[in-house]
All heavy atoms as atom14 arrays in JSON, in Angstrom:
{
  "sequence": "PSSQTEEEGARIMNDILKEEDPPTAIFCANDCTALGVLRSLNKCRR",
  "atom14_mask": [
    [1, 1, 1, 1, 1, 1, 1, 0, 0, 0, 0, 0, 0, 0],
    [1, 1, 1, 1, 1, 1, 0, 0, 0, 0, 0, 0, 0, 0],
    [1, 1, 1, 1, 1, 1, 0, 0, 0, 0, 0, 0, 0, 0],
    [1, 1, 1, 1, 1, 1, 1, 1, 1, 0, 0, 0, 0, 0],
    [1, 1, 1, 1, 1, 1, 1, 0, 0, 0, 0, 0, 0, 0],
    [1, 1, 1, 1, 1, 1, 1, 1, 1, 0, 0, 0, 0, 0],
    [1, 1, 1, 1, 1, 1, 1, 1, 1, 0, 0, 0, 0, 0],
    [1, 1, 1, 1, 1, 1, 1, 1, 1, 0, 0, 0, 0, 0],
    [1, 1, 1, 1, 0, 0, 0, 0, 0, 0, 0, 0, 0, 0],
    [1, 1, 1, 1, 1, 0, 0, 0, 0, 0, 0, 0, 0, 0],
    [1, 1, 1, 1, 1, 1, 1, 1, 1, 1, 1, 0, 0, 0],
    [1, 1, 1, 1, 1, 1, 1, 1, 0, 0, 0, 0, 0, 0],
    [1, 1, 1, 1, 1, 1, 1, 1, 0, 0, 0, 0, 0, 0],
    [1, 1, 1, 1, 1, 1, 1, 1, 0, 0, 0, 0, 0, 0],
    [1, 1, 1, 1, 1, 1, 1, 1, 0, 0, 0, 0, 0, 0],
    [1, 1, 1, 1, 1, 1, 1, 1, 0, 0, 0, 0, 0, 0],
    [1, 1, 1, 1, 1, 1, 1, 1, 0, 0, 0, 0, 0, 0],
    [1, 1, 1, 1, 1, 1, 1, 1, 1, 0, 0, 0, 0, 0],
    [1, 1, 1, 1, 1, 1, 1, 1, 1, 0, 0, 0, 0, 0],
    [1, 1, 1, 1, 1, 1, 1, 1, 1, 0, 0, 0, 0, 0],
    [1, 1, 1, 1, 1, 1, 1, 1, 0, 0, 0, 0, 0, 0],
    [1, 1, 1, 1, 1, 1, 1, 0, 0, 0, 0, 0, 0, 0],
    [1, 1, 1, 1, 1, 1, 1, 0, 0, 0, 0, 0, 0, 0],
    [1, 1, 1, 1, 1, 1, 1, 0, 0, 0, 0, 0, 0, 0],
    [1, 1, 1, 1, 1, 0, 0, 0, 0, 0, 0, 0, 0, 0],
    [1, 1, 1, 1, 1, 1, 1, 1, 0, 0, 0, 0, 0, 0],
    [1, 1, 1, 1, 1, 1, 1, 1, 1, 1, 1, 0, 0, 0],
    [1, 1, 1, 1, 1, 1, 0, 0, 0, 0, 0, 0, 0, 0],
    [1, 1, 1, 1, 1, 0, 0, 0, 0, 0, 0, 0, 0, 0],
    [1, 1, 1, 1, 1, 1, 1, 1, 0, 0, 0, 0, 0, 0],
    [1, 1, 1, 1, 1, 1, 1, 1, 0, 0, 0, 0, 0, 0],
    [1, 1, 1, 1, 1, 1, 0, 0, 0, 0, 0, 0, 0, 0],
    [1, 1, 1, 1, 1, 1, 1, 0, 0, 0, 0, 0, 0, 0],
    [1, 1, 1, 1, 1, 0, 0, 0, 0, 0, 0, 0, 0, 0],
    [1, 1, 1, 1, 1, 1, 1, 1, 0, 0, 0, 0, 0, 0],
    [1, 1, 1, 1, 0, 0, 0, 0, 0, 0, 0, 0, 0, 0],
    [1, 1, 1, 1, 1, 1, 1, 0, 0, 0, 0, 0, 0, 0],
    [1, 1, 1, 1, 1, 1, 1, 1, 0, 0, 0, 0, 0, 0],
    [1, 1, 1, 1, 1, 1, 1, 1, 1, 1, 1, 0, 0, 0],
    [1, 1, 1, 1, 1, 1, 0, 0, 0, 0, 0, 0, 0, 0],
    [1, 1, 1, 1, 1, 1, 1, 1, 0, 0, 0, 0, 0, 0],
    [1, 1, 1, 1, 1, 1, 1, 1, 0, 0, 0, 0, 0, 0],
    [1, 1, 1, 1, 1, 1, 1, 1, 1, 0, 0, 0, 0, 0],
    [1, 1, 1, 1, 1, 1, 0, 0, 0, 0, 0, 0, 0, 0],
    [1, 1, 1, 1, 1, 1, 1, 1, 1, 1, 1, 0, 0, 0],
    [1, 1, 1, 1, 1, 1, 1, 1, 1, 1, 1, 0, 0, 0]
  ],
  "atom14_positions": [
    [[2.31, 42.66, 37.58], [3.54, 43.22, 37.02], [3.47, 44.74, 36.87], [2.42, 45.25, 36.47], [3.68, 42.53, 35.67], [2.8, 41.32, 35.76], [1.65, 41.72, 36.65], [0.0, 0.0, 0.0], [0.0, 0.0, 0.0], [0.0, 0.0, 0.0], [0.0, 0.0, 0.0], [0.0, 0.0, 0.0], [0.0, 0.0, 0.0], [0.0, 0.0, 0.0]],
    [[4.55, 45.41, 37.2], [4.54, 46.88, 37.08], [5.94, 47.39, 36.81], [6.93, 46.69, 37.05], [3.99, 47.53, 38.34], [4.88, 47.76, 39.28], [0.0, 0.0, 0.0], [0.0, 0.0, 0.0], [0.0, 0.0, 0.0], [0.0, 0.0, 0.0], [0.0, 0.0, 0.0], [0.0, 0.0, 0.0], [0.0, 0.0, 0.0], [0.0, 0.0, 0.0]],
    [[6.05, 48.64, 36.39], [7.32, 49.3, 36.19], [7.88, 49.86, 37.48], [8.92, 50.57, 37.47], [7.2, 50.39, 35.15], [6.2, 51.32, 35.51], [0.0, 0.0, 0.0], [0.0, 0.0, 0.0], [0.0, 0.0, 0.0], [0.0, 0.0, 0.0], [0.0, 0.0, 0.0], [0.0, 0.0, 0.0], [0.0, 0.0, 0.0], [0.0, 0.0, 0.0]],
    [[7.16, 49.66, 38.62], [7.63, 50.01, 39.94], [7.79, 51.52, 40.15], [8.74, 52.0, 40.68], [8.92, 49.28, 40.29], [8.8, 47.79, 40.19], [10.01, 47.04, 40.67], [9.95, 45.95, 41.19], [11.2, 47.6, 40.54], [0.0, 0.0, 0.0], [0.0, 0.0, 0.0], [0.0, 0.0, 0.0], [0.0, 0.0, 0.0], [0.0, 0.0, 0.0]],
    [[6.76, 52.28, 39.64], [6.68, 53.71, 39.86], [5.49, 53.99, 40.76], [4.62, 53.13, 40.9], [6.55, 54.49, 38.57], [5.37, 54.11, 37.87], [7.76, 54.21, 37.66], [0.0, 0.0, 0.0], [0.0, 0.0, 0.0], [0.0, 0.0, 0.0], [0.0, 0.0, 0.0], [0.0, 0.0, 0.0], [0.0, 0.0, 0.0], [0.0, 0.0, 0.0]],
    [[5.44, 55.2, 41.31], [4.32, 55.55, 42.19], [3.0, 55.57, 41.39], [1.99, 55.13, 41.97], [4.59, 56.93, 42.81], [3.59, 57.33, 43.89], [3.99, 58.58, 44.65], [5.22, 58.94, 44.59], [3.1, 59.23, 45.24], [0.0, 0.0, 0.0], [0.0, 0.0, 0.0], [0.0, 0.0, 0.0], [0.0, 0.0, 0.0], [0.0, 0.0, 0.0]],
    [[3.06, 56.03, 40.18], [1.85, 56.06, 39.37], [1.33, 54.68, 39.11], [0.09, 54.41, 39.13], [2.09, 56.8, 38.05], [2.29, 58.3, 38.17], [3.59, 58.69, 38.87], [4.55, 57.86, 38.84], [3.67, 59.81, 39.46], [0.0, 0.0, 0.0], [0.0, 0.0, 0.0], [0.0, 0.0, 0.0], [0.0, 0.0, 0.0], [0.0, 0.0, 0.0]],
    [[2.22, 53.75, 38.81], [1.83, 52.35, 38.56], [1.23, 51.73, 39.8], [0.26, 51.0, 39.72], [3.06, 51.51, 38.11], [3.35, 51.68, 36.63], [2.36, 50.86, 35.78], [2.44, 49.67, 35.75], [1.52, 51.51, 35.15], [0.0, 0.0, 0.0], [0.0, 0.0, 0.0], [0.0, 0.0, 0.0], [0.0, 0.0, 0.0], [0.0, 0.0, 0.0]],
    [[1.81, 52.02, 40.94], [1.28, 51.49, 42.21], [-0.17, 51.97, 42.44], [-1.05, 51.18, 42.86], [0.0, 0.0, 0.0], [0.0, 0.0, 0.0], [0.0, 0.0, 0.0], [0.0, 0.0, 0.0], [0.0, 0.0, 0.0], [0.0, 0.0, 0.0], [0.0, 0.0, 0.0], [0.0, 0.0, 0.0], [0.0, 0.0, 0.0], [0.0, 0.0, 0.0]],
    [[-0.41, 53.25, 42.21], [-1.76, 53.8, 42.37], [-2.74, 53.21, 41.39], [-3.87, 52.88, 41.76], [-1.72, 55.3, 42.24], [0.0, 0.0, 0.0], [0.0, 0.0, 0.0], [0.0, 0.0, 0.0], [0.0, 0.0, 0.0], [0.0, 0.0, 0.0], [0.0, 0.0, 0.0], [0.0, 0.0, 0.0], [0.0, 0.0, 0.0], [0.0, 0.0, 0.0]],
    [[-2.31, 53.05, 40.16], [-3.21, 52.45, 39.15], [-3.61, 51.02, 39.49], [-4.77, 50.62, 39.39], [-2.53, 52.5, 37.75], [-3.39, 51.94, 36.63], [-2.6, 51.82, 35.37], [-1.49, 50.92, 35.45], [-1.63, 49.56, 35.41], [-2.84, 49.03, 35.24], [-0.55, 48.79, 35.5], [0.0, 0.0, 0.0], [0.0, 0.0, 0.0], [0.0, 0.0, 0.0]],
    [[-2.62, 50.2, 39.85], [-2.87, 48.79, 40.19], [-3.77, 48.69, 41.44], [-4.65, 47.85, 41.5], [-1.57, 48.05, 40.39], [-0.83, 47.96, 39.03], [-1.8, 46.65, 40.93], [0.54, 47.38, 39.13], [0.0, 0.0, 0.0], [0.0, 0.0, 0.0], [0.0, 0.0, 0.0], [0.0, 0.0, 0.0], [0.0, 0.0, 0.0], [0.0, 0.0, 0.0]],
    [[-3.52, 49.56, 42.41], [-4.32, 49.52, 43.64], [-5.77, 49.9, 43.33], [-6.71, 49.33, 43.91], [-3.76, 50.48, 44.66], [-4.39, 50.33, 46.06], [-4.03, 48.68, 46.78], [-5.67, 48.16, 47.28], [0.0, 0.0, 0.0], [0.0, 0.0, 0.0], [0.0, 0.0, 0.0], [0.0, 0.0, 0.0], [0.0, 0.0, 0.0], [0.0, 0.0, 0.0]],
    [[-6.01, 50.81, 42.38], [-7.37, 51.17, 42.0], [-8.08, 49.94, 41.37], [-9.26, 49.73, 41.58], [-7.37, 52.31, 40.96], [-6.96, 53.63, 41.6], [-7.21, 53.84, 42.79], [-6.41, 54.54, 40.8], [0.0, 0.0, 0.0], [0.0, 0.0, 0.0], [0.0, 0.0, 0.0], [0.0, 0.0, 0.0], [0.0, 0.0, 0.0], [0.0, 0.0, 0.0]],
    [[-7.3, 49.11, 40.62], [-7.89, 47.93, 40.02], [-8.17, 46.9, 41.13], [-9.22, 46.19, 41.04], [-6.94, 47.32, 38.99], [-6.75, 48.24, 37.78], [-7.65, 49.09, 37.52], [-5.72, 48.11, 37.1], [0.0, 0.0, 0.0], [0.0, 0.0, 0.0], [0.0, 0.0, 0.0], [0.0, 0.0, 0.0], [0.0, 0.0, 0.0], [0.0, 0.0, 0.0]],
    [[-7.31, 46.8, 42.1], [-7.53, 45.82, 43.21], [-8.77, 46.18, 44.01], [-9.55, 45.31, 44.43], [-6.29, 45.75, 44.09], [-5.1, 45.12, 43.35], [-6.58, 44.94, 45.38], [-3.78, 45.13, 44.12], [0.0, 0.0, 0.0], [0.0, 0.0, 0.0], [0.0, 0.0, 0.0], [0.0, 0.0, 0.0], [0.0, 0.0, 0.0], [0.0, 0.0, 0.0]],
    [[-9.01, 47.5, 44.19], [-10.17, 47.92, 44.94], [-11.49, 47.58, 44.26], [-12.56, 47.5, 44.91], [-10.11, 49.47, 45.19], [-9.06, 49.94, 46.16], [-8.9, 51.47, 46.1], [-9.43, 49.51, 47.57], [0.0, 0.0, 0.0], [0.0, 0.0, 0.0], [0.0, 0.0, 0.0], [0.0, 0.0, 0.0], [0.0, 0.0, 0.0], [0.0, 0.0, 0.0]],
    [[-11.46, 47.32, 42.98], [-12.64, 46.94, 42.2], [-12.94, 45.44, 42.28], [-14.0, 44.99, 41.85], [-12.52, 47.36, 40.76], [-12.37, 48.86, 40.59], [-12.1, 49.22, 39.09], [-11.85, 50.74, 38.93], [-11.54, 51.07, 37.53], [0.0, 0.0, 0.0], [0.0, 0.0, 0.0], [0.0, 0.0, 0.0], [0.0, 0.0, 0.0], [0.0, 0.0, 0.0]],
    [[-11.98, 44.63, 42.81], [-12.18, 43.18, 42.88], [-13.18, 42.84, 43.96], [-13.29, 43.52, 44.99], [-10.84, 42.51, 43.15], [-9.79, 42.69, 42.07], [-8.46, 42.05, 42.41], [-8.39, 41.39, 43.5], [-7.48, 42.17, 41.64], [0.0, 0.0, 0.0], [0.0, 0.0, 0.0], [0.0, 0.0, 0.0], [0.0, 0.0, 0.0], [0.0, 0.0, 0.0]],
    [[-13.91, 41.75, 43.7], [-14.91, 41.26, 44.7], [-14.24, 40.65, 45.9], [-14.7, 40.79, 47.03], [-15.83, 40.25, 44.02], [-16.76, 40.91, 42.94], [-17.73, 39.88, 42.41], [-17.74, 38.72, 42.89], [-18.5, 40.24, 41.5], [0.0, 0.0, 0.0], [0.0, 0.0, 0.0], [0.0, 0.0, 0.0], [0.0, 0.0, 0.0], [0.0, 0.0, 0.0]],
    [[-13.16, 39.93, 45.66], [-12.44, 39.25, 46.74], [-10.97, 39.67, 46.72], [-10.11, 38.94, 46.3], [-12.55, 37.74, 46.59], [-11.96, 37.0, 47.81], [-11.92, 37.62, 48.93], [-11.61, 35.81, 47.67], [0.0, 0.0, 0.0], [0.0, 0.0, 0.0], [0.0, 0.0, 0.0], [0.0, 0.0, 0.0], [0.0, 0.0, 0.0], [0.0, 0.0, 0.0]],
    [[-10.69, 40.93, 47.17], [-9.28, 41.42, 47.09], [-8.38, 40.78, 48.09], [-8.86, 40.17, 49.07], [-9.48, 42.93, 47.36], [-10.66, 43.0, 48.27], [-11.61, 41.91, 47.79], [0.0, 0.0, 0.0], [0.0, 0.0, 0.0], [0.0, 0.0, 0.0], [0.0, 0.0, 0.0], [0.0, 0.0, 0.0], [0.0, 0.0, 0.0], [0.0, 0.0, 0.0]],
    [[-7.04, 40.86, 47.92], [-6.1, 40.31, 48.88], [-6.15, 41.06, 50.2], [-6.46, 42.25, 50.23], [-4.76, 40.43, 48.2], [-4.98, 41.59, 47.22], [-6.38, 41.47, 46.77], [0.0, 0.0, 0.0], [0.0, 0.0, 0.0], [0.0, 0.0, 0.0], [0.0, 0.0, 0.0], [0.0, 0.0, 0.0], [0.0, 0.0, 0.0], [0.0, 0.0, 0.0]],
    [[-5.79, 40.34, 51.26], [-5.78, 40.99, 52.59], [-4.47, 41.71, 52.86], [-4.39, 42.48, 53.84], [-6.03, 39.93, 53.69], [-5.0, 38.94, 53.62], [-7.41, 39.3, 53.47], [0.0, 0.0, 0.0], [0.0, 0.0, 0.0], [0.0, 0.0, 0.0], [0.0, 0.0, 0.0], [0.0, 0.0, 0.0], [0.0, 0.0, 0.0], [0.0, 0.0, 0.0]],
    [[-3.44, 41.43, 52.09], [-2.13, 42.06, 52.28], [-1.46, 42.27, 50.91], [-1.76, 41.52, 49.97], [-1.2, 41.21, 53.15], [0.0, 0.0, 0.0], [0.0, 0.0, 0.0], [0.0, 0.0, 0.0], [0.0, 0.0, 0.0], [0.0, 0.0, 0.0], [0.0, 0.0, 0.0], [0.0, 0.0, 0.0], [0.0, 0.0, 0.0], [0.0, 0.0, 0.0]],
    [[-0.66, 43.26, 50.85], [0.02, 43.61, 49.59], [1.52, 43.79, 49.82], [1.95, 44.56, 50.71], [-0.54, 44.92, 48.96], [-2.05, 44.75, 48.67], [0.23, 45.31, 47.72], [-2.72, 46.02, 48.28], [0.0, 0.0, 0.0], [0.0, 0.0, 0.0], [0.0, 0.0, 0.0], [0.0, 0.0, 0.0], [0.0, 0.0, 0.0], [0.0, 0.0, 0.0]],
    [[2.34, 43.06, 49.08], [3.79, 43.18, 49.12], [4.24, 43.93, 47.85], [4.09, 43.44, 46.75], [4.43, 41.77, 49.2], [5.93, 41.81, 48.93], [6.76, 42.68, 49.61], [6.49, 40.93, 48.03], [8.12, 42.72, 49.37], [7.85, 40.94, 47.78], [8.67, 41.84, 48.46], [0.0, 0.0, 0.0], [0.0, 0.0, 0.0], [0.0, 0.0, 0.0]],
    [[4.84, 45.11, 48.06], [5.36, 45.89, 46.97], [6.88, 45.69, 46.85], [7.58, 45.68, 47.88], [5.06, 47.37, 47.17], [3.31, 47.76, 47.26], [0.0, 0.0, 0.0], [0.0, 0.0, 0.0], [0.0, 0.0, 0.0], [0.0, 0.0, 0.0], [0.0, 0.0, 0.0], [0.0, 0.0, 0.0], [0.0, 0.0, 0.0], [0.0, 0.0, 0.0]],
    [[7.38, 45.56, 45.63], [8.78, 45.31, 45.42], [9.67, 46.48, 45.79], [10.85, 46.28, 46.04], [9.05, 44.88, 43.98], [0.0, 0.0, 0.0], [0.0, 0.0, 0.0], [0.0, 0.0, 0.0], [0.0, 0.0, 0.0], [0.0, 0.0, 0.0], [0.0, 0.0, 0.0], [0.0, 0.0, 0.0], [0.0, 0.0, 0.0], [0.0, 0.0, 0.0]],
    [[9.13, 47.67, 45.87], [9.9, 48.85, 46.31], [8.96, 49.86, 46.97], [7.75, 49.79, 46.86], [10.67, 49.5, 45.15], [9.78, 50.1, 44.09], [8.55, 49.89, 44.06], [10.37, 50.87, 43.23], [0.0, 0.0, 0.0], [0.0, 0.0, 0.0], [0.0, 0.0, 0.0], [0.0, 0.0, 0.0], [0.0, 0.0, 0.0], [0.0, 0.0, 0.0]],
    [[9.56, 50.79, 47.68], [8.79, 51.82, 48.41], [8.03, 52.73, 47.45], [6.95, 53.21, 47.79], [9.72, 52.64, 49.26], [10.13, 51.95, 50.53], [9.72, 50.77, 50.7], [10.9, 52.49, 51.33], [0.0, 0.0, 0.0], [0.0, 0.0, 0.0], [0.0, 0.0, 0.0], [0.0, 0.0, 0.0], [0.0, 0.0, 0.0], [0.0, 0.0, 0.0]],
    [[8.62, 52.99, 46.29], [8.0, 53.91, 45.32], [6.59, 53.42, 44.95], [5.65, 54.17, 44.87], [8.89, 54.09, 44.13], [8.65, 55.58, 43.2], [0.0, 0.0, 0.0], [0.0, 0.0, 0.0], [0.0, 0.0, 0.0], [0.0, 0.0, 0.0], [0.0, 0.0, 0.0], [0.0, 0.0, 0.0], [0.0, 0.0, 0.0], [0.0, 0.0, 0.0]],
    [[6.5, 52.08, 44.65], [5.21, 51.49, 44.33], [4.27, 51.56, 45.5], [3.08, 51.85, 45.34], [5.44, 50.04, 43.89], [6.36, 49.95, 42.83], [4.11, 49.4, 43.48], [0.0, 0.0, 0.0], [0.0, 0.0, 0.0], [0.0, 0.0, 0.0], [0.0, 0.0, 0.0], [0.0, 0.0, 0.0], [0.0, 0.0, 0.0], [0.0, 0.0, 0.0]],
    [[4.77, 51.31, 46.71], [3.96, 51.35, 47.9], [3.36, 52.72, 48.17], [2.24, 52.83, 48.67], [4.77, 50.85, 49.1], [0.0, 0.0, 0.0], [0.0, 0.0, 0.0], [0.0, 0.0, 0.0], [0.0, 0.0, 0.0], [0.0, 0.0, 0.0], [0.0, 0.0, 0.0], [0.0, 0.0, 0.0], [0.0, 0.0, 0.0], [0.0, 0.0, 0.0]],
    [[4.12, 53.79, 47.84], [3.59, 55.14, 48.04], [2.33, 55.35, 47.15], [1.37, 55.97, 47.58], [4.66, 56.16, 47.63], [5.91, 56.22, 48.55], [6.91, 57.24, 48.02], [5.54, 56.56, 49.97], [0.0, 0.0, 0.0], [0.0, 0.0, 0.0], [0.0, 0.0, 0.0], [0.0, 0.0, 0.0], [0.0, 0.0, 0.0], [0.0, 0.0, 0.0]],
    [[2.39, 54.82, 45.93], [1.2, 54.91, 45.08], [0.03, 54.09, 45.59], [-1.12, 54.55, 45.51], [0.0, 0.0, 0.0], [0.0, 0.0, 0.0], [0.0, 0.0, 0.0], [0.0, 0.0, 0.0], [0.0, 0.0, 0.0], [0.0, 0.0, 0.0], [0.0, 0.0, 0.0], [0.0, 0.0, 0.0], [0.0, 0.0, 0.0], [0.0, 0.0, 0.0]],
    [[0.34, 52.93, 46.17], [-0.71, 52.09, 46.77], [-1.4, 52.82, 47.91], [-2.64, 52.84, 48.01], [-0.09, 50.73, 47.25], [-1.1, 49.97, 48.1], [0.34, 49.92, 46.02], [0.0, 0.0, 0.0], [0.0, 0.0, 0.0], [0.0, 0.0, 0.0], [0.0, 0.0, 0.0], [0.0, 0.0, 0.0], [0.0, 0.0, 0.0], [0.0, 0.0, 0.0]],
    [[-0.62, 53.38, 48.79], [-1.18, 54.11, 49.95], [-1.98, 55.36, 49.48], [-3.01, 55.7, 50.07], [-0.08, 54.51, 50.92], [0.64, 53.38, 51.62], [1.76, 53.91, 52.51], [-0.31, 52.53, 52.44], [0.0, 0.0, 0.0], [0.0, 0.0, 0.0], [0.0, 0.0, 0.0], [0.0, 0.0, 0.0], [0.0, 0.0, 0.0], [0.0, 0.0, 0.0]],
    [[-1.47, 56.01, 48.46], [-2.2, 57.17, 47.94], [-3.58, 56.78, 47.41], [-4.57, 57.49, 47.68], [-1.36, 57.84, 46.82], [-1.94, 59.17, 46.34], [-1.04, 59.75, 45.24], [-1.17, 58.97, 44.0], [-0.34, 59.15, 42.94], [0.62, 60.03, 42.98], [-0.52, 58.41, 41.86], [0.0, 0.0, 0.0], [0.0, 0.0, 0.0], [0.0, 0.0, 0.0]],
    [[-3.63, 55.68, 46.72], [-4.9, 55.19, 46.2], [-5.84, 54.77, 47.34], [-7.06, 55.05, 47.26], [-4.69, 54.01, 45.25], [-5.9, 53.46, 44.79], [0.0, 0.0, 0.0], [0.0, 0.0, 0.0], [0.0, 0.0, 0.0], [0.0, 0.0, 0.0], [0.0, 0.0, 0.0], [0.0, 0.0, 0.0], [0.0, 0.0, 0.0], [0.0, 0.0, 0.0]],
    [[-5.32, 54.13, 48.36], [-6.13, 53.7, 49.48], [-6.71, 54.87, 50.22], [-7.86, 54.85, 50.68], [-5.33, 52.81, 50.42], [-5.02, 51.38, 49.97], [-4.02, 50.7, 50.9], [-6.32, 50.55, 49.9], [0.0, 0.0, 0.0], [0.0, 0.0, 0.0], [0.0, 0.0, 0.0], [0.0, 0.0, 0.0], [0.0, 0.0, 0.0], [0.0, 0.0, 0.0]],
    [[-5.92, 55.95, 50.37], [-6.4, 57.14, 51.08], [-7.49, 57.88, 50.27], [-8.4, 58.49, 50.87], [-5.27, 58.08, 51.35], [-4.31, 57.54, 52.45], [-4.75, 56.87, 53.38], [-3.04, 57.83, 52.37], [0.0, 0.0, 0.0], [0.0, 0.0, 0.0], [0.0, 0.0, 0.0], [0.0, 0.0, 0.0], [0.0, 0.0, 0.0], [0.0, 0.0, 0.0]],
    [[-7.42, 57.84, 48.95], [-8.38, 58.52, 48.12], [-9.67, 57.73, 47.97], [-10.76, 58.3, 48.0], [-7.79, 58.79, 46.72], [-6.81, 59.94, 46.7], [-6.37, 60.24, 45.25], [-5.38, 61.38, 45.21], [-4.97, 61.68, 43.8], [0.0, 0.0, 0.0], [0.0, 0.0, 0.0], [0.0, 0.0, 0.0], [0.0, 0.0, 0.0], [0.0, 0.0, 0.0]],
    [[-9.51, 56.43, 47.76], [-10.7, 55.6, 47.48], [-10.83, 54.53, 48.57], [-10.48, 53.35, 48.35], [-10.6, 54.94, 46.13], [-10.22, 56.05, 44.76], [0.0, 0.0, 0.0], [0.0, 0.0, 0.0], [0.0, 0.0, 0.0], [0.0, 0.0, 0.0], [0.0, 0.0, 0.0], [0.0, 0.0, 0.0], [0.0, 0.0, 0.0], [0.0, 0.0, 0.0]],
    [[-11.32, 54.93, 49.72], [-11.49, 53.99, 50.81], [-12.67, 53.06, 50.52], [-13.76, 53.51, 50.22], [-11.68, 54.7, 52.12], [-10.4, 55.42, 52.59], [-10.58, 55.97, 54.01], [-9.34, 56.58, 54.48], [-8.39, 55.94, 55.11], [-8.5, 54.64, 55.32], [-7.31, 56.6, 55.55], [0.0, 0.0, 0.0], [0.0, 0.0, 0.0], [0.0, 0.0, 0.0]],
    [[-12.46, 51.77, 50.71], [-13.49, 50.76, 50.55], [-13.96, 50.32, 51.93], [-13.15, 50.09, 52.83], [-12.96, 49.57, 49.73], [-13.98, 48.42, 49.53], [-13.43, 47.44, 48.53], [-14.26, 46.25, 48.48], [-14.03, 45.23, 47.64], [-13.05, 45.33, 46.77], [-14.84, 44.19, 47.66], [0.0, 0.0, 0.0], [0.0, 0.0, 0.0], [0.0, 0.0, 0.0]]
  ]
}
């Protein structure tokens, strides 16, 4: 669950990157959240 902002997307993606068995795909309810997800992936590549 999130407030669907770019900051929330980045924060949640950072948490997902710490999981041992993360999901293979991510569905974001809006583009704003997805921008944060991509920002986090670009900064913290696993």
